[in-house]
Amino acid sequence: MRTDNYRKMSLDELKKKAKSAQLNAYLLTGMIIVQTIVGVFLLFTDGFSVFTIMPIVFIPILIVSFKNLKMIKDQIASRDT
């Protein structure tokens, strides 16, 4: 989502969006951590598999999630001042 769309939203909508974006980003972080632990465990027990590299695939999605969250928080901060 672009910053232009965030500019058109009201402050209440932005706060709701920030809350859900933060929850999504933290859940994704938790899932990546769990996947990493399972991948390392499976690496040592069964050898190399797709589950070993699976967390690496989701890291770009996590970066985009936190970037969007930052844009929303910046938009909220610019309206509060």
C-alpha atoms as a PDB file:
ATOM      1  CA  MET A   1       0.000   0.000   0.000  1.00  0.00           C
ATOM      2  CA  ARG A   2       1.307   3.419  -0.856  1.00  0.00           C
ATOM      3  CA  THR A   3       1.645   6.397   1.422  1.00  0.00           C
ATOM      4  CA  ASP A   4      -0.961   8.224  -0.693  1.00  0.00           C
ATOM      5  CA  ASN A   5      -3.628   5.797   0.475  1.00  0.00           C
ATOM      6  CA  TYR A   6      -2.599   6.349   4.094  1.00  0.00           C
ATOM      7  CA  ARG A   7      -2.977  10.104   3.623  1.00  0.00           C
ATOM      8  CA  LYS A   8      -6.600   9.634   2.623  1.00  0.00           C
ATOM      9  CA  MET A   9      -7.445   7.629   5.749  1.00  0.00           C
ATOM     10  CA  SER A  10      -8.748   9.167   8.931  1.00  0.00           C
ATOM     11  CA  LEU A  11      -6.704   9.053  12.124  1.00  0.00           C
ATOM     12  CA  ASP A  12      -8.953   6.383  13.651  1.00  0.00           C
ATOM     13  CA  GLU A  13      -8.630   4.206  10.565  1.00  0.00           C
ATOM     14  CA  LEU A  14      -4.870   4.601  10.656  1.00  0.00           C
ATOM     15  CA  LYS A  15      -4.705   3.582  14.297  1.00  0.00           C
ATOM     16  CA  LYS A  16      -6.783   0.467  13.613  1.00  0.00           C
ATOM     17  CA  LYS A  17      -4.624  -0.324  10.599  1.00  0.00           C
ATOM     18  CA  ALA A  18      -1.444   0.157  12.664  1.00  0.00           C
ATOM     19  CA  LYS A  19      -2.734  -2.141  15.372  1.00  0.00           C
ATOM     20  CA  SER A  20      -3.566  -4.924  12.926  1.00  0.00           C
ATOM     21  CA  ALA A  21      -0.321  -4.422  10.977  1.00  0.00           C
ATOM     22  CA  GLN A  22       1.681  -4.654  14.196  1.00  0.00           C
ATOM     23  CA  LEU A  23      -0.109  -7.843  15.221  1.00  0.00           C
ATOM     24  CA  ASN A  24       0.475  -9.352  11.776  1.00  0.00           C
ATOM     25  CA  ALA A  25       4.162  -8.437  11.796  1.00  0.00           C
ATOM     26  CA  TYR A  26       4.716  -9.915  15.252  1.00  0.00           C
ATOM     27  CA  LEU A  27       2.819 -13.097  14.391  1.00  0.00           C
ATOM     28  CA  LEU A  28       4.894 -13.488  11.243  1.00  0.00           C
ATOM     29  CA  THR A  29       8.059 -12.973  13.299  1.00  0.00           C
ATOM     30  CA  GLY A  30       6.936 -15.685  15.715  1.00  0.00           C
ATOM     31  CA  MET A  31       6.155 -18.066  12.873  1.00  0.00           C
ATOM     32  CA  ILE A  32       9.571 -17.491  11.326  1.00  0.00           C
ATOM     33  CA  ILE A  33      11.244 -18.200  14.672  1.00  0.00           C
ATOM     34  CA  VAL A  34       9.276 -21.442  15.048  1.00  0.00           C
ATOM     35  CA  GLN A  35      10.105 -22.425  11.469  1.00  0.00           C
ATOM     36  CA  THR A  36      13.780 -21.750  12.125  1.00  0.00           C
ATOM     37  CA  ILE A  37      13.781 -23.923  15.240  1.00  0.00           C
ATOM     38  CA  VAL A  38      11.973 -26.748  13.440  1.00  0.00           C
ATOM     39  CA  GLY A  39      14.271 -26.376  10.420  1.00  0.00           C
ATOM     40  CA  VAL A  40      17.411 -26.636  12.555  1.00  0.00           C
ATOM     41  CA  PHE A  41      15.979 -29.633  14.403  1.00  0.00           C
ATOM     42  CA  LEU A  42      15.108 -31.374  11.138  1.00  0.00           C
ATOM     43  CA  LEU A  43      18.534 -30.504   9.728  1.00  0.00           C
ATOM     44  CA  PHE A  44      20.234 -32.409  12.503  1.00  0.00           C
ATOM     45  CA  THR A  45      17.795 -35.343  12.559  1.00  0.00           C
ATOM     46  CA  ASP A  46      16.889 -35.923   8.900  1.00  0.00           C
ATOM     47  CA  GLY A  47      19.441 -33.855   7.018  1.00  0.00           C
ATOM     48  CA  PHE A  48      18.885 -30.991   4.597  1.00  0.00           C
ATOM     49  CA  SER A  49      15.305 -30.466   3.426  1.00  0.00           C
ATOM     50  CA  VAL A  50      13.007 -27.709   2.232  1.00  0.00           C
ATOM     51  CA  PHE A  51      12.088 -26.931   5.853  1.00  0.00           C
ATOM     52  CA  THR A  52      15.669 -25.842   6.443  1.00  0.00           C
ATOM     53  CA  ILE A  53      15.405 -22.926   4.006  1.00  0.00           C
ATOM     54  CA  MET A  54      11.704 -22.146   4.486  1.00  0.00           C
ATOM     55  CA  PRO A  55      12.241 -19.303   7.028  1.00  0.00           C
ATOM     56  CA  ILE A  56      14.569 -17.522   4.596  1.00  0.00           C
ATOM     57  CA  VAL A  57      11.745 -17.338   2.067  1.00  0.00           C
ATOM     58  CA  PHE A  58       9.508 -15.437   4.502  1.00  0.00           C
ATOM     59  CA  ILE A  59      12.059 -12.825   5.584  1.00  0.00           C
ATOM     60  CA  PRO A  60      11.306 -10.436   2.666  1.00  0.00           C
ATOM     61  CA  ILE A  61       7.610 -10.575   3.573  1.00  0.00           C
ATOM     62  CA  LEU A  62       8.536  -9.695   7.151  1.00  0.00           C
ATOM     63  CA  ILE A  63      10.628  -6.746   5.983  1.00  0.00           C
ATOM     64  CA  VAL A  64       7.739  -5.404   3.898  1.00  0.00           C
ATOM     65  CA  SER A  65       5.368  -5.830   6.844  1.00  0.00           C
ATOM     66  CA  PHE A  66       7.569  -3.789   9.160  1.00  0.00           C
ATOM     67  CA  LYS A  67       8.130  -1.191   6.439  1.00  0.00           C
ATOM     68  CA  ASN A  68       4.371  -0.745   6.010  1.00  0.00           C
ATOM     69  CA  LEU A  69       3.946  -0.522   9.767  1.00  0.00           C
ATOM     70  CA  LYS A  70       6.593   2.204   9.899  1.00  0.00           C
ATOM     71  CA  MET A  71       4.843   4.154   7.127  1.00  0.00           C
ATOM     72  CA  ILE A  72       1.544   3.972   9.014  1.00  0.00           C
ATOM     73  CA  LYS A  73       3.163   5.099  12.270  1.00  0.00           C
ATOM     74  CA  ASP A  74       4.910   7.958  10.470  1.00  0.00           C
ATOM     75  CA  GLN A  75       1.586   9.090   9.030  1.00  0.00           C
ATOM     76  CA  ILE A  76      -0.006   8.953  12.496  1.00  0.00           C
ATOM     77  CA  ALA A  77       2.898  10.925  13.966  1.00  0.00           C
ATOM     78  CA  SER A  78       2.642  13.595  11.279  1.00  0.00           C
ATOM     79  CA  ARG A  79      -1.044  14.090  12.086  1.00  0.00           C
ATOM     80  CA  ASP A  80      -0.528  14.218  15.851  1.00  0.00           C
ATOM     81  CA  THR A  81       1.809  17.186  15.597  1.00  0.00           C
END
